[in-house]
Amino acid sequence: MSQKFVSNKDKSEKMFENRFLNALTKAHFSFPLILYIPAIFYLSFLFFRDEHGTVWYFLGLFAAGFVLWSIFEYLIHRFVFHYKPKTEFGEKVLFTFHGVHHDYPNDSFRLVMPPVVSIPLYAVMYLLFEAIFGYGNHFSIFSGFVLGYLFYDVGHYALHHFNFKNKYFQSIKKHHLLHHYKDEHHGFGVSMPFWDKIFKTDFDEEREN
């Protein structure tokens, strides 16, 4: 199934006529690193400062959070970003969040989540993790979750703008580009494509080669 796209140039259309609002929809790929690497270290510091567990306990929860992000990423990409709205307003909202990326996949300022979106989501997810996993445990598991997010967000930029020599990263890039240019109904795992194999949304290798 061929995937339509508008342009491979490093630019895209305006989301808003207001220049300030439009600027809020863009972000340099370094922004997530600047914002959330310190957050990971701070949450980790809080876990050990208040003696919520051993190093191994921390690492176990941290790894669980990292894996949890990869599942979250797959589900959001598949069932939210590629949901087909029934109203014009819904179509506009989804285009703003994800559709524009499919039309202009190489716009370097629309490849990572802008802070105006990521910061409120960070706050909501932080409170949700505390409610679900309990105070103390959430410092560790949420740290892993945020690291998973960074792998996704910055990795997504790299998939569109880096030329990888490593075969593993080449395979991930191929997987993601097939999602863009061949079939948007498959290949929802960006940072961890193996979820597509598990949920039967991987590409048919013989058909796509």
N, C-alpha and C. Protein backbone atom coordinates (compact mmCIF):
# COMPACT_ATOMS: atom_id res chain seq x y z
N MET A 1 0.86 -1.20 0.00
CA MET A 1 0.00 0.00 0.00
C MET A 1 0.88 1.24 0.00
N SER A 2 0.76 2.06 -0.99
CA SER A 2 1.62 3.24 -1.08
C SER A 2 1.14 4.31 -0.12
N GLN A 3 2.10 5.05 0.42
CA GLN A 3 1.80 6.10 1.38
C GLN A 3 2.06 7.45 0.72
N LYS A 4 1.04 8.32 0.68
CA LYS A 4 1.21 9.62 0.08
C LYS A 4 1.96 10.53 1.04
N PHE A 5 2.78 11.40 0.49
CA PHE A 5 3.44 12.40 1.31
C PHE A 5 3.66 13.63 0.45
N VAL A 6 3.84 14.76 1.08
CA VAL A 6 3.90 16.03 0.37
C VAL A 6 5.32 16.41 0.02
N SER A 7 6.21 16.35 0.96
CA SER A 7 7.55 16.89 0.72
C SER A 7 8.58 16.21 1.61
N ASN A 8 9.78 16.07 1.08
CA ASN A 8 10.90 15.57 1.87
C ASN A 8 11.88 16.69 2.22
N LYS A 9 11.49 17.93 1.99
CA LYS A 9 12.34 19.06 2.35
C LYS A 9 12.31 19.27 3.86
N ASP A 10 13.32 19.95 4.35
CA ASP A 10 13.45 20.20 5.79
C ASP A 10 12.61 21.40 6.19
N LYS A 11 11.31 21.30 5.97
CA LYS A 11 10.37 22.36 6.36
C LYS A 11 8.97 21.79 6.25
N SER A 12 8.01 22.49 6.84
CA SER A 12 6.62 22.07 6.74
C SER A 12 5.72 23.30 6.84
N GLU A 13 4.43 23.08 6.65
CA GLU A 13 3.49 24.18 6.66
C GLU A 13 3.25 24.70 8.07
N LYS A 14 2.69 25.91 8.16
CA LYS A 14 2.36 26.50 9.44
C LYS A 14 1.19 25.77 10.08
N MET A 15 1.28 25.58 11.38
CA MET A 15 0.16 25.02 12.13
C MET A 15 -0.82 26.11 12.55
N PHE A 16 -0.27 27.32 12.80
CA PHE A 16 -1.09 28.46 13.20
C PHE A 16 -0.59 29.70 12.46
N GLU A 17 -1.49 30.61 12.17
CA GLU A 17 -1.10 31.87 11.53
C GLU A 17 -0.34 32.75 12.51
N ASN A 18 -0.70 32.67 13.78
CA ASN A 18 0.01 33.43 14.81
C ASN A 18 1.43 32.91 14.94
N ARG A 19 2.40 33.78 14.80
CA ARG A 19 3.81 33.36 14.76
C ARG A 19 4.25 32.76 16.08
N PHE A 20 3.76 33.31 17.20
CA PHE A 20 4.14 32.78 18.50
C PHE A 20 3.59 31.37 18.70
N LEU A 21 2.30 31.18 18.39
CA LEU A 21 1.70 29.86 18.53
C LEU A 21 2.38 28.85 17.60
N ASN A 22 2.69 29.29 16.40
CA ASN A 22 3.35 28.39 15.46
C ASN A 22 4.73 27.99 15.96
N ALA A 23 5.44 28.92 16.58
CA ALA A 23 6.77 28.62 17.12
C ALA A 23 6.69 27.58 18.23
N LEU A 24 5.58 27.58 18.97
CA LEU A 24 5.42 26.62 20.06
C LEU A 24 5.26 25.18 19.56
N THR A 25 4.94 25.02 18.28
CA THR A 25 4.75 23.67 17.71
C THR A 25 6.07 23.07 17.22
N LYS A 26 7.16 23.84 17.34
CA LYS A 26 8.46 23.37 16.86
C LYS A 26 9.42 23.16 18.01
N ALA A 27 10.43 22.33 17.78
CA ALA A 27 11.44 22.10 18.82
C ALA A 27 12.72 21.56 18.19
N HIS A 28 13.85 22.07 18.65
CA HIS A 28 15.14 21.51 18.26
C HIS A 28 15.31 20.16 18.93
N PHE A 29 16.00 19.24 18.26
CA PHE A 29 16.10 17.87 18.80
C PHE A 29 16.82 17.81 20.14
N SER A 30 17.57 18.85 20.49
CA SER A 30 18.30 18.86 21.77
C SER A 30 17.40 19.19 22.95
N PHE A 31 16.23 19.76 22.71
CA PHE A 31 15.36 20.19 23.81
C PHE A 31 15.00 19.06 24.78
N PRO A 32 14.56 17.89 24.27
CA PRO A 32 14.24 16.81 25.22
C PRO A 32 15.43 16.40 26.08
N LEU A 33 16.63 16.40 25.50
CA LEU A 33 17.83 16.04 26.26
C LEU A 33 18.09 17.06 27.36
N ILE A 34 17.97 18.33 27.02
CA ILE A 34 18.23 19.40 27.99
C ILE A 34 17.21 19.36 29.13
N LEU A 35 15.95 19.06 28.80
CA LEU A 35 14.90 19.07 29.79
C LEU A 35 14.88 17.83 30.68
N TYR A 36 15.08 16.66 30.07
CA TYR A 36 14.73 15.42 30.77
C TYR A 36 15.90 14.58 31.25
N ILE A 37 17.11 14.80 30.75
CA ILE A 37 18.25 14.12 31.36
C ILE A 37 18.45 14.59 32.81
N PRO A 38 18.42 15.91 33.07
CA PRO A 38 18.49 16.34 34.48
C PRO A 38 17.34 15.78 35.32
N ALA A 39 16.15 15.67 34.72
CA ALA A 39 15.00 15.13 35.46
C ALA A 39 15.24 13.69 35.87
N ILE A 40 15.83 12.90 34.98
CA ILE A 40 16.14 11.49 35.29
C ILE A 40 17.11 11.40 36.46
N PHE A 41 18.15 12.22 36.42
CA PHE A 41 19.14 12.20 37.50
C PHE A 41 18.51 12.67 38.83
N TYR A 42 17.64 13.66 38.75
CA TYR A 42 17.02 14.17 39.97
C TYR A 42 16.09 13.14 40.59
N LEU A 43 15.28 12.49 39.78
CA LEU A 43 14.39 11.45 40.29
C LEU A 43 15.18 10.30 40.89
N SER A 44 16.28 9.94 40.24
CA SER A 44 17.14 8.87 40.76
C SER A 44 17.75 9.28 42.10
N PHE A 45 18.15 10.53 42.18
CA PHE A 45 18.70 11.06 43.42
C PHE A 45 17.67 10.98 44.56
N LEU A 46 16.43 11.33 44.26
CA LEU A 46 15.38 11.28 45.27
C LEU A 46 15.14 9.86 45.76
N PHE A 47 15.21 8.90 44.85
CA PHE A 47 15.01 7.50 45.22
C PHE A 47 16.04 7.07 46.26
N PHE A 48 17.29 7.39 46.03
CA PHE A 48 18.36 6.95 46.93
C PHE A 48 18.48 7.85 48.17
N ARG A 49 18.17 9.11 48.02
CA ARG A 49 18.25 10.01 49.17
C ARG A 49 17.28 9.58 50.26
N ASP A 50 16.08 9.19 49.86
CA ASP A 50 15.06 8.80 50.82
C ASP A 50 15.06 7.30 51.11
N GLU A 51 16.07 6.60 50.57
CA GLU A 51 16.28 5.17 50.85
C GLU A 51 15.03 4.33 50.56
N HIS A 52 14.58 4.39 49.30
CA HIS A 52 13.40 3.63 48.90
C HIS A 52 13.74 2.20 48.47
N GLY A 53 15.01 1.86 48.41
CA GLY A 53 15.37 0.50 48.03
C GLY A 53 16.83 0.38 47.67
N THR A 54 17.24 -0.83 47.35
CA THR A 54 18.62 -1.11 46.99
C THR A 54 18.88 -0.68 45.54
N VAL A 55 20.16 -0.74 45.18
CA VAL A 55 20.54 -0.43 43.80
C VAL A 55 19.86 -1.39 42.84
N TRP A 56 19.84 -2.69 43.20
CA TRP A 56 19.23 -3.68 42.32
C TRP A 56 17.73 -3.48 42.19
N TYR A 57 17.10 -3.07 43.27
CA TYR A 57 15.66 -2.77 43.23
C TYR A 57 15.41 -1.58 42.30
N PHE A 58 16.25 -0.57 42.44
CA PHE A 58 16.14 0.60 41.56
C PHE A 58 16.30 0.19 40.10
N LEU A 59 17.33 -0.60 39.80
CA LEU A 59 17.60 -0.99 38.42
C LEU A 59 16.47 -1.83 37.84
N GLY A 60 15.88 -2.68 38.68
CA GLY A 60 14.76 -3.50 38.21
C GLY A 60 13.56 -2.65 37.83
N LEU A 61 13.23 -1.69 38.69
CA LEU A 61 12.11 -0.80 38.39
C LEU A 61 12.43 0.11 37.20
N PHE A 62 13.68 0.54 37.14
CA PHE A 62 14.11 1.41 36.04
C PHE A 62 13.95 0.69 34.70
N ALA A 63 14.40 -0.58 34.65
CA ALA A 63 14.27 -1.37 33.43
C ALA A 63 12.81 -1.59 33.07
N ALA A 64 11.98 -1.83 34.10
CA ALA A 64 10.55 -2.01 33.86
C ALA A 64 9.94 -0.76 33.25
N GLY A 65 10.35 0.40 33.73
CA GLY A 65 9.86 1.66 33.19
C GLY A 65 10.27 1.86 31.74
N PHE A 66 11.49 1.47 31.43
CA PHE A 66 11.99 1.59 30.06
C PHE A 66 11.15 0.73 29.10
N VAL A 67 10.88 -0.51 29.51
CA VAL A 67 10.07 -1.40 28.68
C VAL A 67 8.64 -0.89 28.58
N LEU A 68 8.14 -0.36 29.70
CA LEU A 68 6.78 0.17 29.71
C LEU A 68 6.63 1.31 28.71
N TRP A 69 7.66 2.15 28.60
CA TRP A 69 7.60 3.21 27.59
C TRP A 69 7.45 2.62 26.20
N SER A 70 8.20 1.58 25.88
CA SER A 70 8.17 1.03 24.52
C SER A 70 6.78 0.51 24.16
N ILE A 71 6.09 -0.07 25.15
CA ILE A 71 4.71 -0.53 24.91
C ILE A 71 3.79 0.68 24.73
N PHE A 72 3.96 1.67 25.59
CA PHE A 72 3.17 2.90 25.53
C PHE A 72 3.36 3.58 24.17
N GLU A 73 4.60 3.66 23.72
CA GLU A 73 4.92 4.27 22.43
C GLU A 73 4.18 3.58 21.29
N TYR A 74 4.22 2.26 21.28
CA TYR A 74 3.56 1.48 20.23
C TYR A 74 2.05 1.74 20.24
N LEU A 75 1.43 1.66 21.42
CA LEU A 75 -0.02 1.79 21.53
C LEU A 75 -0.49 3.19 21.16
N ILE A 76 0.23 4.22 21.61
CA ILE A 76 -0.13 5.59 21.29
C ILE A 76 -0.01 5.83 19.79
N HIS A 77 1.10 5.36 19.21
CA HIS A 77 1.32 5.57 17.78
C HIS A 77 0.24 4.87 16.96
N ARG A 78 -0.09 3.66 17.35
CA ARG A 78 -1.06 2.88 16.57
C ARG A 78 -2.50 3.35 16.76
N PHE A 79 -2.91 3.51 18.01
CA PHE A 79 -4.33 3.72 18.28
C PHE A 79 -4.74 5.17 18.48
N VAL A 80 -3.77 6.06 18.71
CA VAL A 80 -4.10 7.48 18.87
C VAL A 80 -3.65 8.28 17.64
N PHE A 81 -2.35 8.22 17.32
CA PHE A 81 -1.84 9.01 16.21
C PHE A 81 -2.41 8.58 14.86
N HIS A 82 -2.78 7.30 14.75
CA HIS A 82 -3.33 6.83 13.47
C HIS A 82 -4.84 6.51 13.57
N TYR A 83 -5.46 7.09 14.55
CA TYR A 83 -6.91 7.01 14.66
C TYR A 83 -7.54 7.87 13.55
N LYS A 84 -8.65 7.41 13.01
CA LYS A 84 -9.34 8.16 11.95
C LYS A 84 -10.51 8.92 12.55
N PRO A 85 -10.35 10.23 12.79
CA PRO A 85 -11.42 11.02 13.41
C PRO A 85 -12.65 11.12 12.51
N LYS A 86 -13.78 11.32 13.14
CA LYS A 86 -15.04 11.45 12.40
C LYS A 86 -15.47 12.90 12.25
N THR A 87 -14.72 13.82 12.82
CA THR A 87 -15.06 15.24 12.72
C THR A 87 -13.88 16.02 12.14
N GLU A 88 -14.19 17.18 11.57
CA GLU A 88 -13.15 18.04 11.01
C GLU A 88 -12.20 18.54 12.09
N PHE A 89 -12.77 18.84 13.27
CA PHE A 89 -11.92 19.30 14.39
C PHE A 89 -10.95 18.21 14.81
N GLY A 90 -11.45 16.96 14.90
CA GLY A 90 -10.59 15.85 15.27
C GLY A 90 -9.49 15.64 14.26
N GLU A 91 -9.80 15.79 12.99
CA GLU A 91 -8.79 15.64 11.94
C GLU A 91 -7.70 16.70 12.08
N LYS A 92 -8.12 17.93 12.41
CA LYS A 92 -7.15 19.01 12.56
C LYS A 92 -6.23 18.76 13.75
N VAL A 93 -6.82 18.29 14.86
CA VAL A 93 -6.02 18.02 16.05
C VAL A 93 -4.99 16.93 15.77
N LEU A 94 -5.41 15.84 15.14
CA LEU A 94 -4.48 14.75 14.85
C LEU A 94 -3.46 15.15 13.80
N PHE A 95 -3.86 16.00 12.85
CA PHE A 95 -2.88 16.48 11.87
C PHE A 95 -1.80 17.30 12.55
N THR A 96 -2.21 18.13 13.51
CA THR A 96 -1.25 18.96 14.25
C THR A 96 -0.26 18.09 15.03
N PHE A 97 -0.77 17.00 15.62
CA PHE A 97 0.09 16.15 16.45
C PHE A 97 0.93 15.18 15.64
N HIS A 98 0.37 14.66 14.54
CA HIS A 98 1.11 13.61 13.84
C HIS A 98 1.00 13.64 12.32
N GLY A 99 -0.15 14.07 11.82
CA GLY A 99 -0.34 14.06 10.37
C GLY A 99 0.66 14.91 9.63
N VAL A 100 1.01 16.06 10.20
CA VAL A 100 1.98 16.94 9.55
C VAL A 100 3.32 16.24 9.38
N HIS A 101 3.65 15.37 10.33
CA HIS A 101 4.92 14.64 10.23
C HIS A 101 4.90 13.67 9.06
N HIS A 102 3.75 13.09 8.77
CA HIS A 102 3.66 12.18 7.63
C HIS A 102 3.70 12.95 6.31
N ASP A 103 3.18 14.16 6.30
CA ASP A 103 3.22 14.97 5.08
C ASP A 103 4.60 15.60 4.86
N TYR A 104 5.27 15.92 5.96
CA TYR A 104 6.60 16.55 5.88
C TYR A 104 7.55 15.79 6.82
N PRO A 105 7.92 14.57 6.48
CA PRO A 105 8.63 13.71 7.42
C PRO A 105 10.04 14.14 7.80
N ASN A 106 10.64 15.05 7.03
CA ASN A 106 12.02 15.44 7.32
C ASN A 106 12.17 16.84 7.88
N ASP A 107 11.07 17.44 8.31
CA ASP A 107 11.17 18.74 8.97
C ASP A 107 11.86 18.55 10.31
N SER A 108 13.09 19.02 10.43
CA SER A 108 13.91 18.74 11.61
C SER A 108 13.37 19.40 12.88
N PHE A 109 12.47 20.36 12.73
CA PHE A 109 11.91 21.02 13.91
C PHE A 109 10.55 20.45 14.31
N ARG A 110 10.12 19.39 13.61
CA ARG A 110 8.87 18.74 13.99
C ARG A 110 9.08 17.24 14.12
N LEU A 111 10.25 16.85 14.64
CA LEU A 111 10.56 15.43 14.82
C LEU A 111 10.61 15.03 16.29
N VAL A 112 10.71 16.01 17.18
CA VAL A 112 10.63 15.73 18.62
C VAL A 112 9.45 16.50 19.18
N MET A 113 8.96 16.04 20.31
CA MET A 113 7.78 16.66 20.91
C MET A 113 8.13 18.03 21.47
N PRO A 114 7.41 19.07 21.10
CA PRO A 114 7.73 20.41 21.62
C PRO A 114 7.47 20.49 23.13
N PRO A 115 8.24 21.29 23.84
CA PRO A 115 8.08 21.39 25.30
C PRO A 115 6.69 21.79 25.74
N VAL A 116 5.97 22.57 24.94
CA VAL A 116 4.62 23.00 25.32
C VAL A 116 3.69 21.80 25.46
N VAL A 117 4.03 20.70 24.80
CA VAL A 117 3.25 19.46 24.92
C VAL A 117 3.91 18.50 25.91
N SER A 118 5.22 18.34 25.80
CA SER A 118 5.90 17.31 26.60
C SER A 118 5.92 17.62 28.09
N ILE A 119 6.03 18.89 28.46
CA ILE A 119 6.10 19.23 29.89
C ILE A 119 4.78 18.94 30.62
N PRO A 120 3.63 19.37 30.07
CA PRO A 120 2.37 18.99 30.73
C PRO A 120 2.17 17.48 30.78
N LEU A 121 2.54 16.77 29.71
CA LEU A 121 2.41 15.31 29.70
C LEU A 121 3.32 14.68 30.74
N TYR A 122 4.52 15.23 30.89
CA TYR A 122 5.45 14.75 31.91
C TYR A 122 4.81 14.86 33.29
N ALA A 123 4.20 16.02 33.57
CA ALA A 123 3.59 16.24 34.88
C ALA A 123 2.44 15.27 35.13
N VAL A 124 1.59 15.08 34.12
CA VAL A 124 0.45 14.17 34.26
C VAL A 124 0.92 12.73 34.47
N MET A 125 1.90 12.29 33.66
CA MET A 125 2.39 10.93 33.77
C MET A 125 3.11 10.70 35.10
N TYR A 126 3.81 11.72 35.58
CA TYR A 126 4.49 11.61 36.89
C TYR A 126 3.47 11.33 37.99
N LEU A 127 2.39 12.10 38.01
CA LEU A 127 1.36 11.90 39.03
C LEU A 127 0.67 10.55 38.86
N LEU A 128 0.48 10.13 37.63
CA LEU A 128 -0.15 8.84 37.36
C LEU A 128 0.74 7.70 37.85
N PHE A 129 2.04 7.80 37.61
CA PHE A 129 2.97 6.76 38.07
C PHE A 129 3.01 6.70 39.59
N GLU A 130 2.94 7.85 40.25
CA GLU A 130 2.93 7.86 41.71
C GLU A 130 1.68 7.19 42.23
N ALA A 131 0.54 7.46 41.59
CA ALA A 131 -0.72 6.87 42.03
C ALA A 131 -0.74 5.36 41.81
N ILE A 132 -0.16 4.90 40.71
CA ILE A 132 -0.20 3.47 40.37
C ILE A 132 0.85 2.67 41.13
N PHE A 133 2.08 3.16 41.15
CA PHE A 133 3.20 2.38 41.68
C PHE A 133 3.60 2.75 43.10
N GLY A 134 3.05 3.84 43.62
CA GLY A 134 3.33 4.22 44.98
C GLY A 134 4.50 5.19 45.10
N TYR A 135 4.43 6.02 46.13
CA TYR A 135 5.48 7.01 46.35
C TYR A 135 6.81 6.29 46.63
N GLY A 136 7.85 6.76 45.99
CA GLY A 136 9.17 6.14 46.14
C GLY A 136 9.47 5.24 44.96
N ASN A 137 8.63 4.23 44.75
CA ASN A 137 8.82 3.37 43.59
C ASN A 137 8.73 4.17 42.29
N HIS A 138 7.86 5.17 42.29
CA HIS A 138 7.64 5.93 41.06
C HIS A 138 8.88 6.71 40.62
N PHE A 139 9.75 7.06 41.58
CA PHE A 139 10.97 7.77 41.20
C PHE A 139 11.79 6.93 40.22
N SER A 140 11.90 5.64 40.49
CA SER A 140 12.72 4.76 39.67
C SER A 140 12.04 4.37 38.37
N ILE A 141 10.82 3.87 38.47
CA ILE A 141 10.15 3.37 37.27
C ILE A 141 9.84 4.51 36.29
N PHE A 142 9.54 5.68 36.83
CA PHE A 142 9.29 6.82 35.94
C PHE A 142 10.57 7.30 35.29
N SER A 143 11.70 7.19 35.99
CA SER A 143 12.99 7.54 35.39
C SER A 143 13.26 6.68 34.16
N GLY A 144 13.02 5.37 34.28
CA GLY A 144 13.20 4.48 33.14
C GLY A 144 12.24 4.81 32.01
N PHE A 145 11.02 5.16 32.36
CA PHE A 145 10.02 5.54 31.38
C PHE A 145 10.47 6.77 30.60
N VAL A 146 11.01 7.75 31.30
CA VAL A 146 11.46 8.99 30.66
C VAL A 146 12.67 8.72 29.77
N LEU A 147 13.58 7.83 30.22
CA LEU A 147 14.71 7.48 29.37
C LEU A 147 14.22 6.81 28.09
N GLY A 148 13.22 5.94 28.20
CA GLY A 148 12.62 5.33 27.01
C GLY A 148 12.07 6.38 26.07
N TYR A 149 11.42 7.40 26.64
CA TYR A 149 10.91 8.50 25.84
C TYR A 149 12.04 9.21 25.10
N LEU A 150 13.16 9.44 25.77
CA LEU A 150 14.29 10.10 25.12
C LEU A 150 14.84 9.26 23.97
N PHE A 151 14.93 7.95 24.17
CA PHE A 151 15.37 7.06 23.10
C PHE A 151 14.44 7.20 21.90
N TYR A 152 13.16 7.29 22.17
CA TYR A 152 12.18 7.43 21.09
C TYR A 152 12.31 8.78 20.41
N ASP A 153 12.28 9.85 21.18
CA ASP A 153 12.17 11.18 20.60
C ASP A 153 13.44 11.56 19.84
N VAL A 154 14.59 11.43 20.49
CA VAL A 154 15.85 11.78 19.83
C VAL A 154 16.20 10.74 18.76
N GLY A 155 15.87 9.47 19.05
CA GLY A 155 16.09 8.43 18.06
C GLY A 155 15.26 8.65 16.81
N HIS A 156 14.05 9.16 16.98
CA HIS A 156 13.18 9.45 15.84
C HIS A 156 13.82 10.51 14.94
N TYR A 157 14.41 11.52 15.55
CA TYR A 157 15.14 12.53 14.78
C TYR A 157 16.27 11.87 14.00
N ALA A 158 17.00 11.00 14.67
CA ALA A 158 18.15 10.36 14.03
C ALA A 158 17.72 9.47 12.86
N LEU A 159 16.59 8.80 12.99
CA LEU A 159 16.12 7.92 11.92
C LEU A 159 15.86 8.70 10.63
N HIS A 160 15.48 9.96 10.77
CA HIS A 160 15.19 10.77 9.59
C HIS A 160 16.39 11.55 9.08
N HIS A 161 17.42 11.74 9.93
CA HIS A 161 18.50 12.63 9.52
C HIS A 161 19.91 12.04 9.63
N PHE A 162 20.06 10.84 10.17
CA PHE A 162 21.39 10.24 10.28
C PHE A 162 21.51 9.09 9.30
N ASN A 163 22.73 8.91 8.79
CA ASN A 163 23.05 7.74 7.97
C ASN A 163 23.82 6.75 8.83
N PHE A 164 23.15 5.66 9.20
CA PHE A 164 23.75 4.70 10.11
C PHE A 164 24.60 3.68 9.35
N LYS A 165 25.71 3.29 9.96
CA LYS A 165 26.55 2.22 9.42
C LYS A 165 26.31 0.90 10.15
N ASN A 166 25.81 1.00 11.38
CA ASN A 166 25.50 -0.19 12.15
C ASN A 166 24.26 -0.88 11.58
N LYS A 167 24.32 -2.19 11.36
CA LYS A 167 23.23 -2.91 10.71
C LYS A 167 21.95 -2.90 11.54
N TYR A 168 22.09 -2.93 12.87
CA TYR A 168 20.91 -2.92 13.73
C TYR A 168 20.14 -1.61 13.55
N PHE A 169 20.86 -0.48 13.59
CA PHE A 169 20.20 0.81 13.45
C PHE A 169 19.71 1.01 12.01
N GLN A 170 20.40 0.44 11.05
CA GLN A 170 19.92 0.49 9.67
C GLN A 170 18.58 -0.22 9.54
N SER A 171 18.43 -1.34 10.24
CA SER A 171 17.18 -2.10 10.16
C SER A 171 16.03 -1.33 10.81
N ILE A 172 16.32 -0.62 11.93
CA ILE A 172 15.29 0.19 12.58
C ILE A 172 14.87 1.34 11.67
N LYS A 173 15.87 1.95 11.02
CA LYS A 173 15.56 3.06 10.11
C LYS A 173 14.72 2.56 8.94
N LYS A 174 15.07 1.43 8.37
CA LYS A 174 14.31 0.87 7.26
C LYS A 174 12.87 0.60 7.69
N HIS A 175 12.71 0.05 8.88
CA HIS A 175 11.39 -0.25 9.43
C HIS A 175 10.53 1.01 9.51
N HIS A 176 11.13 2.08 10.00
CA HIS A 176 10.37 3.32 10.18
C HIS A 176 10.06 3.99 8.84
N LEU A 177 11.01 3.96 7.91
CA LEU A 177 10.76 4.58 6.62
C LEU A 177 9.72 3.82 5.81
N LEU A 178 9.63 2.51 6.00
CA LEU A 178 8.56 1.75 5.37
C LEU A 178 7.20 2.22 5.89
N HIS A 179 7.14 2.55 7.17
CA HIS A 179 5.91 3.07 7.75
C HIS A 179 5.50 4.37 7.07
N HIS A 180 6.51 5.20 6.75
CA HIS A 180 6.22 6.48 6.12
C HIS A 180 5.87 6.36 4.64
N TYR A 181 6.66 5.58 3.93
CA TYR A 181 6.59 5.65 2.47
C TYR A 181 5.92 4.45 1.80
N LYS A 182 5.63 3.39 2.56
CA LYS A 182 4.99 2.22 1.97
C LYS A 182 3.61 1.93 2.57
N ASP A 183 3.55 1.87 3.90
CA ASP A 183 2.30 1.42 4.52
C ASP A 183 2.21 1.96 5.94
N GLU A 184 1.39 3.00 6.12
CA GLU A 184 1.26 3.63 7.44
C GLU A 184 0.43 2.80 8.40
N HIS A 185 -0.14 1.71 7.93
CA HIS A 185 -0.95 0.84 8.78
C HIS A 185 -0.12 -0.29 9.41
N HIS A 186 1.17 -0.26 9.19
CA HIS A 186 2.08 -1.21 9.81
C HIS A 186 3.32 -0.44 10.30
N GLY A 187 4.11 -1.09 11.15
CA GLY A 187 5.36 -0.49 11.60
C GLY A 187 5.17 0.64 12.59
N PHE A 188 4.41 0.40 13.65
CA PHE A 188 4.14 1.44 14.64
C PHE A 188 5.23 1.55 15.71
N GLY A 189 6.05 0.52 15.86
CA GLY A 189 7.14 0.59 16.82
C GLY A 189 8.29 1.38 16.23
N VAL A 190 8.62 2.52 16.82
CA VAL A 190 9.68 3.38 16.29
C VAL A 190 11.02 3.03 16.92
N SER A 191 11.11 3.15 18.23
CA SER A 191 12.38 2.84 18.89
C SER A 191 12.58 1.35 19.11
N MET A 192 11.47 0.59 19.21
CA MET A 192 11.56 -0.85 19.42
C MET A 192 10.57 -1.56 18.50
N PRO A 193 10.98 -1.84 17.27
CA PRO A 193 10.07 -2.44 16.27
C PRO A 193 9.58 -3.84 16.62
N PHE A 194 10.19 -4.50 17.62
CA PHE A 194 9.77 -5.88 17.89
C PHE A 194 8.32 -5.97 18.35
N TRP A 195 7.74 -4.87 18.85
CA TRP A 195 6.33 -4.90 19.22
C TRP A 195 5.44 -5.13 18.01
N ASP A 196 5.90 -4.73 16.83
CA ASP A 196 5.13 -5.00 15.62
C ASP A 196 5.08 -6.49 15.32
N LYS A 197 6.14 -7.20 15.64
CA LYS A 197 6.13 -8.66 15.46
C LYS A 197 5.17 -9.31 16.45
N ILE A 198 5.17 -8.82 17.67
CA ILE A 198 4.32 -9.39 18.71
C ILE A 198 2.84 -9.15 18.40
N PHE A 199 2.52 -7.94 17.94
CA PHE A 199 1.12 -7.58 17.69
C PHE A 199 0.70 -7.74 16.23
N LYS A 200 1.57 -8.41 15.44
CA LYS A 200 1.24 -8.75 14.05
C LYS A 200 1.01 -7.52 13.18
N THR A 201 1.78 -6.47 13.39
CA THR A 201 1.69 -5.29 12.53
C THR A 201 3.02 -5.02 11.84
N ASP A 202 3.85 -6.06 11.74
CA ASP A 202 5.13 -5.91 11.06
C ASP A 202 4.90 -5.97 9.55
N PHE A 203 5.91 -5.60 8.78
CA PHE A 203 5.82 -5.62 7.33
C PHE A 203 6.12 -7.02 6.81
N ASP A 204 5.54 -7.32 5.68
CA ASP A 204 5.86 -8.56 4.96
C ASP A 204 7.19 -8.35 4.27
N GLU A 205 8.24 -8.99 4.77
CA GLU A 205 9.59 -8.74 4.27
C GLU A 205 9.71 -9.04 2.77
N GLU A 206 9.08 -10.11 2.32
CA GLU A 206 9.19 -10.45 0.91
C GLU A 206 8.52 -9.40 0.03
N ARG A 207 7.40 -8.85 0.52
CA ARG A 207 6.69 -7.84 -0.27
C ARG A 207 7.40 -6.52 -0.26
N GLU A 208 8.07 -6.19 0.86
CA GLU A 208 8.67 -4.88 0.99
C GLU A 208 10.10 -4.79 0.47
N ASN A 209 10.79 -5.93 0.30
CA ASN A 209 12.17 -5.91 -0.19
C ASN A 209 12.23 -5.58 -1.68
